[in-house]
Amino acid sequence: MKPISSLAPPPRPVNPFGTLSSPQPDGTSKVPKSGIDSFAKLLSDQVGNVNSMQNNADGMVHSLLTGADVNEAEVLTAVQKADLAFRMLLQVRNKLIEAYREVQQIQI
């Protein structure tokens, strides 16, 4: 049997929230701005990407309807990609709203 002194200390627990600090005595928590800003930037960028995909698809449909030399398969693919991206964005929005409502219902 090994003596107790040779045991290694237990590993430190993993913090899944990164650098979030514990709540302050006044009930607030200091959250680093970089995390909030990067998440907001990520969402904003994705909304912009979906918007540009939809604008591109609309332009291709307009070109097809006005008789321009456009491949129908490319137009259909662009419309389907824009539709799929928009549906995905709606699902992300729905999940965020659902999470927000769950947090609102937490009783302190």
N, C-alpha and C. Protein backbone atom coordinates (compact mmCIF):
# COMPACT_ATOMS: atom_id res chain seq x y z
N MET A 1 0.84 -1.18 0.00
CA MET A 1 0.00 0.00 0.00
C MET A 1 0.88 1.24 0.00
N LYS A 2 0.50 2.24 -0.83
CA LYS A 2 1.29 3.46 -0.95
C LYS A 2 0.99 4.39 0.22
N PRO A 3 2.01 5.11 0.66
CA PRO A 3 1.74 6.09 1.71
C PRO A 3 0.91 7.25 1.16
N ILE A 4 0.18 7.90 2.02
CA ILE A 4 -0.72 8.98 1.62
C ILE A 4 0.05 10.14 1.00
N SER A 5 1.25 10.40 1.43
CA SER A 5 2.01 11.54 0.92
C SER A 5 2.34 11.40 -0.56
N SER A 6 2.31 10.20 -1.12
CA SER A 6 2.66 10.04 -2.53
C SER A 6 1.46 10.23 -3.47
N LEU A 7 0.29 10.44 -2.92
CA LEU A 7 -0.89 10.65 -3.77
C LEU A 7 -0.83 12.04 -4.40
N ALA A 8 -1.18 12.09 -5.65
CA ALA A 8 -1.20 13.37 -6.36
C ALA A 8 -2.47 14.13 -5.99
N PRO A 9 -2.41 15.46 -6.01
CA PRO A 9 -3.62 16.22 -5.72
C PRO A 9 -4.66 15.99 -6.80
N PRO A 10 -5.93 16.12 -6.46
CA PRO A 10 -6.97 15.89 -7.47
C PRO A 10 -6.89 16.95 -8.56
N PRO A 11 -7.27 16.59 -9.77
CA PRO A 11 -7.22 17.58 -10.86
C PRO A 11 -8.22 18.70 -10.60
N ARG A 12 -7.89 19.87 -11.14
CA ARG A 12 -8.78 21.02 -10.99
C ARG A 12 -10.01 20.80 -11.85
N PRO A 13 -11.19 21.20 -11.38
CA PRO A 13 -12.39 21.03 -12.19
C PRO A 13 -12.34 21.92 -13.42
N VAL A 14 -12.94 21.45 -14.48
CA VAL A 14 -12.99 22.21 -15.72
C VAL A 14 -14.13 23.21 -15.64
N ASN A 15 -13.84 24.44 -16.00
CA ASN A 15 -14.87 25.48 -16.01
C ASN A 15 -15.39 25.62 -17.43
N PRO A 16 -16.60 25.11 -17.73
CA PRO A 16 -17.11 25.19 -19.09
C PRO A 16 -17.43 26.61 -19.54
N PHE A 17 -17.48 27.55 -18.61
CA PHE A 17 -17.82 28.92 -18.95
C PHE A 17 -16.60 29.79 -19.14
N GLY A 18 -15.45 29.21 -19.18
CA GLY A 18 -14.23 29.97 -19.46
C GLY A 18 -13.88 30.91 -18.33
N THR A 19 -13.84 32.20 -18.61
CA THR A 19 -13.37 33.17 -17.64
C THR A 19 -14.49 33.91 -16.91
N LEU A 20 -15.69 33.36 -16.90
CA LEU A 20 -16.77 34.03 -16.17
C LEU A 20 -16.44 34.04 -14.69
N SER A 21 -16.71 35.14 -14.06
CA SER A 21 -16.41 35.24 -12.64
C SER A 21 -17.64 34.87 -11.82
N SER A 22 -17.40 34.62 -10.56
CA SER A 22 -18.51 34.28 -9.67
C SER A 22 -19.31 35.54 -9.35
N PRO A 23 -20.55 35.36 -8.90
CA PRO A 23 -21.38 36.53 -8.59
C PRO A 23 -20.75 37.40 -7.50
N GLN A 24 -20.97 38.67 -7.61
CA GLN A 24 -20.47 39.64 -6.65
C GLN A 24 -21.45 39.74 -5.48
N PRO A 25 -21.04 40.34 -4.35
CA PRO A 25 -21.95 40.46 -3.21
C PRO A 25 -23.24 41.21 -3.52
N ASP A 26 -23.22 42.12 -4.48
CA ASP A 26 -24.44 42.86 -4.80
C ASP A 26 -25.35 42.09 -5.76
N GLY A 27 -24.99 40.84 -6.10
CA GLY A 27 -25.83 40.01 -6.95
C GLY A 27 -25.50 40.08 -8.42
N THR A 28 -24.58 40.94 -8.80
CA THR A 28 -24.20 41.05 -10.20
C THR A 28 -23.02 40.13 -10.48
N SER A 29 -22.72 39.96 -11.73
CA SER A 29 -21.57 39.15 -12.13
C SER A 29 -20.81 39.93 -13.19
N LYS A 30 -19.51 39.92 -13.07
CA LYS A 30 -18.69 40.61 -14.05
C LYS A 30 -18.37 39.65 -15.18
N VAL A 31 -19.01 39.85 -16.31
CA VAL A 31 -18.78 39.03 -17.48
C VAL A 31 -17.87 39.80 -18.41
N PRO A 32 -16.82 39.16 -18.91
CA PRO A 32 -15.93 39.89 -19.81
C PRO A 32 -16.67 40.34 -21.06
N LYS A 33 -16.43 41.56 -21.48
CA LYS A 33 -17.10 42.12 -22.65
C LYS A 33 -16.74 41.36 -23.92
N SER A 34 -15.55 40.81 -23.98
CA SER A 34 -15.12 40.15 -25.21
C SER A 34 -16.02 38.96 -25.54
N GLY A 35 -16.49 38.22 -24.55
CA GLY A 35 -17.36 37.08 -24.80
C GLY A 35 -18.71 37.50 -25.34
N ILE A 36 -19.27 38.53 -24.75
CA ILE A 36 -20.56 39.04 -25.20
C ILE A 36 -20.43 39.65 -26.59
N ASP A 37 -19.38 40.44 -26.77
CA ASP A 37 -19.17 41.09 -28.06
C ASP A 37 -18.93 40.07 -29.17
N SER A 38 -18.16 39.03 -28.89
CA SER A 38 -17.88 38.05 -29.93
C SER A 38 -19.13 37.26 -30.29
N PHE A 39 -19.99 36.97 -29.31
CA PHE A 39 -21.23 36.25 -29.60
C PHE A 39 -22.16 37.14 -30.41
N ALA A 40 -22.26 38.40 -30.04
CA ALA A 40 -23.10 39.33 -30.79
C ALA A 40 -22.57 39.50 -32.21
N LYS A 41 -21.26 39.57 -32.35
CA LYS A 41 -20.66 39.70 -33.69
C LYS A 41 -20.93 38.45 -34.52
N LEU A 42 -20.83 37.29 -33.90
CA LEU A 42 -21.11 36.04 -34.60
C LEU A 42 -22.54 36.01 -35.12
N LEU A 43 -23.49 36.37 -34.26
CA LEU A 43 -24.89 36.40 -34.69
C LEU A 43 -25.12 37.43 -35.79
N SER A 44 -24.53 38.59 -35.62
CA SER A 44 -24.69 39.64 -36.63
C SER A 44 -24.10 39.22 -37.97
N ASP A 45 -22.94 38.58 -37.93
CA ASP A 45 -22.32 38.11 -39.17
C ASP A 45 -23.18 37.06 -39.86
N GLN A 46 -23.77 36.16 -39.09
CA GLN A 46 -24.60 35.12 -39.68
C GLN A 46 -25.88 35.69 -40.28
N VAL A 47 -26.47 36.67 -39.61
CA VAL A 47 -27.65 37.33 -40.18
C VAL A 47 -27.27 38.02 -41.49
N GLY A 48 -26.11 38.65 -41.52
CA GLY A 48 -25.63 39.29 -42.74
C GLY A 48 -25.39 38.28 -43.85
N ASN A 49 -24.83 37.12 -43.50
CA ASN A 49 -24.60 36.07 -44.51
C ASN A 49 -25.91 35.56 -45.09
N VAL A 50 -26.89 35.34 -44.23
CA VAL A 50 -28.19 34.86 -44.72
C VAL A 50 -28.84 35.92 -45.60
N ASN A 51 -28.73 37.17 -45.19
CA ASN A 51 -29.30 38.26 -45.98
C ASN A 51 -28.64 38.33 -47.36
N SER A 52 -27.32 38.21 -47.41
CA SER A 52 -26.65 38.28 -48.71
C SER A 52 -27.00 37.07 -49.58
N MET A 53 -27.19 35.90 -48.96
CA MET A 53 -27.60 34.72 -49.74
C MET A 53 -28.99 34.93 -50.33
N GLN A 54 -29.89 35.53 -49.55
CA GLN A 54 -31.24 35.78 -50.05
C GLN A 54 -31.23 36.84 -51.15
N ASN A 55 -30.43 37.87 -50.97
CA ASN A 55 -30.33 38.90 -52.01
C ASN A 55 -29.76 38.33 -53.30
N ASN A 56 -28.76 37.46 -53.17
CA ASN A 56 -28.17 36.82 -54.34
C ASN A 56 -29.20 35.94 -55.06
N ALA A 57 -29.95 35.17 -54.28
CA ALA A 57 -30.98 34.30 -54.88
C ALA A 57 -32.06 35.14 -55.55
N ASP A 58 -32.47 36.23 -54.91
CA ASP A 58 -33.47 37.11 -55.52
C ASP A 58 -32.97 37.71 -56.83
N GLY A 59 -31.71 38.11 -56.85
CA GLY A 59 -31.13 38.66 -58.07
C GLY A 59 -31.08 37.63 -59.19
N MET A 60 -30.75 36.39 -58.83
CA MET A 60 -30.70 35.34 -59.84
C MET A 60 -32.09 35.02 -60.38
N VAL A 61 -33.09 35.00 -59.50
CA VAL A 61 -34.47 34.76 -59.95
C VAL A 61 -34.93 35.90 -60.86
N HIS A 62 -34.60 37.13 -60.47
CA HIS A 62 -34.96 38.28 -61.30
C HIS A 62 -34.31 38.18 -62.67
N SER A 63 -33.04 37.79 -62.70
CA SER A 63 -32.34 37.63 -63.98
C SER A 63 -32.98 36.55 -64.83
N LEU A 64 -33.37 35.46 -64.19
CA LEU A 64 -34.01 34.37 -64.92
C LEU A 64 -35.35 34.81 -65.50
N LEU A 65 -36.12 35.56 -64.70
CA LEU A 65 -37.45 35.99 -65.15
C LEU A 65 -37.39 37.07 -66.23
N THR A 66 -36.32 37.85 -66.25
CA THR A 66 -36.20 38.89 -67.26
C THR A 66 -35.55 38.39 -68.54
N GLY A 67 -35.22 37.11 -68.59
CA GLY A 67 -34.70 36.52 -69.81
C GLY A 67 -33.20 36.54 -69.95
N ALA A 68 -32.48 36.84 -68.89
CA ALA A 68 -31.02 36.82 -68.96
C ALA A 68 -30.53 35.38 -69.10
N ASP A 69 -29.31 35.24 -69.57
CA ASP A 69 -28.73 33.92 -69.76
C ASP A 69 -28.22 33.39 -68.42
N VAL A 70 -29.12 32.70 -67.69
CA VAL A 70 -28.79 32.17 -66.37
C VAL A 70 -29.17 30.70 -66.35
N ASN A 71 -28.32 29.89 -65.76
CA ASN A 71 -28.58 28.47 -65.65
C ASN A 71 -29.67 28.24 -64.60
N GLU A 72 -30.73 27.54 -64.98
CA GLU A 72 -31.86 27.31 -64.07
C GLU A 72 -31.44 26.50 -62.85
N ALA A 73 -30.53 25.56 -63.05
CA ALA A 73 -30.08 24.73 -61.93
C ALA A 73 -29.34 25.57 -60.89
N GLU A 74 -28.54 26.54 -61.35
CA GLU A 74 -27.83 27.42 -60.41
C GLU A 74 -28.81 28.30 -59.65
N VAL A 75 -29.85 28.76 -60.34
CA VAL A 75 -30.87 29.59 -59.67
C VAL A 75 -31.58 28.77 -58.61
N LEU A 76 -31.98 27.56 -58.96
CA LEU A 76 -32.67 26.70 -58.01
C LEU A 76 -31.78 26.38 -56.81
N THR A 77 -30.51 26.11 -57.06
CA THR A 77 -29.58 25.82 -55.98
C THR A 77 -29.41 27.03 -55.06
N ALA A 78 -29.29 28.21 -55.64
CA ALA A 78 -29.14 29.43 -54.83
C ALA A 78 -30.37 29.68 -53.97
N VAL A 79 -31.55 29.46 -54.55
CA VAL A 79 -32.80 29.66 -53.80
C VAL A 79 -32.90 28.65 -52.66
N GLN A 80 -32.54 27.40 -52.93
CA GLN A 80 -32.60 26.38 -51.89
C GLN A 80 -31.59 26.64 -50.78
N LYS A 81 -30.39 27.08 -51.14
CA LYS A 81 -29.39 27.41 -50.12
C LYS A 81 -29.87 28.56 -49.25
N ALA A 82 -30.44 29.58 -49.87
CA ALA A 82 -30.94 30.73 -49.10
C ALA A 82 -32.08 30.31 -48.19
N ASP A 83 -32.96 29.45 -48.68
CA ASP A 83 -34.08 28.96 -47.87
C ASP A 83 -33.58 28.15 -46.69
N LEU A 84 -32.63 27.27 -46.93
CA LEU A 84 -32.09 26.44 -45.85
C LEU A 84 -31.37 27.30 -44.81
N ALA A 85 -30.61 28.28 -45.26
CA ALA A 85 -29.91 29.16 -44.33
C ALA A 85 -30.90 29.97 -43.49
N PHE A 86 -31.98 30.42 -44.11
CA PHE A 86 -32.98 31.19 -43.37
C PHE A 86 -33.69 30.32 -42.34
N ARG A 87 -34.02 29.09 -42.73
CA ARG A 87 -34.67 28.18 -41.77
C ARG A 87 -33.75 27.87 -40.59
N MET A 88 -32.47 27.70 -40.88
CA MET A 88 -31.51 27.44 -39.80
C MET A 88 -31.42 28.64 -38.87
N LEU A 89 -31.40 29.83 -39.44
CA LEU A 89 -31.36 31.05 -38.63
C LEU A 89 -32.61 31.16 -37.75
N LEU A 90 -33.76 30.81 -38.29
CA LEU A 90 -34.99 30.82 -37.50
C LEU A 90 -34.92 29.84 -36.34
N GLN A 91 -34.34 28.67 -36.57
CA GLN A 91 -34.22 27.68 -35.50
C GLN A 91 -33.26 28.17 -34.41
N VAL A 92 -32.19 28.82 -34.80
CA VAL A 92 -31.26 29.39 -33.81
C VAL A 92 -31.98 30.45 -33.00
N ARG A 93 -32.75 31.30 -33.68
CA ARG A 93 -33.53 32.33 -32.96
C ARG A 93 -34.51 31.69 -31.99
N ASN A 94 -35.21 30.65 -32.43
CA ASN A 94 -36.17 29.98 -31.56
C ASN A 94 -35.50 29.38 -30.34
N LYS A 95 -34.33 28.79 -30.52
CA LYS A 95 -33.61 28.20 -29.39
C LYS A 95 -33.13 29.29 -28.42
N LEU A 96 -32.68 30.41 -28.95
CA LEU A 96 -32.25 31.51 -28.09
C LEU A 96 -33.42 32.07 -27.28
N ILE A 97 -34.57 32.22 -27.92
CA ILE A 97 -35.75 32.71 -27.21
C ILE A 97 -36.19 31.71 -26.15
N GLU A 98 -36.15 30.44 -26.48
CA GLU A 98 -36.51 29.39 -25.52
C GLU A 98 -35.57 29.41 -24.31
N ALA A 99 -34.28 29.55 -24.56
CA ALA A 99 -33.30 29.61 -23.47
C ALA A 99 -33.52 30.86 -22.62
N TYR A 100 -33.81 31.98 -23.25
CA TYR A 100 -34.07 33.22 -22.52
C TYR A 100 -35.28 33.07 -21.61
N ARG A 101 -36.33 32.44 -22.12
CA ARG A 101 -37.54 32.24 -21.30
C ARG A 101 -37.27 31.31 -20.13
N GLU A 102 -36.45 30.29 -20.35
CA GLU A 102 -36.10 29.40 -19.25
C GLU A 102 -35.32 30.14 -18.17
N VAL A 103 -34.40 30.99 -18.59
CA VAL A 103 -33.63 31.77 -17.62
C VAL A 103 -34.54 32.73 -16.86
N GLN A 104 -35.53 33.30 -17.54
CA GLN A 104 -36.47 34.20 -16.87
C GLN A 104 -37.26 33.49 -15.78
N GLN A 105 -37.53 32.21 -15.98
CA GLN A 105 -38.36 31.48 -15.03
C GLN A 105 -37.58 30.93 -13.85
N ILE A 106 -36.26 31.08 -13.86
CA ILE A 106 -35.46 30.61 -12.73
C ILE A 106 -35.77 31.48 -11.52
N GLN A 107 -36.11 30.82 -10.44
CA GLN A 107 -36.43 31.55 -9.21
C GLN A 107 -35.19 31.63 -8.34
N ILE A 108 -34.96 32.81 -7.85
CA ILE A 108 -33.77 33.04 -7.01
C ILE A 108 -34.15 32.96 -5.56
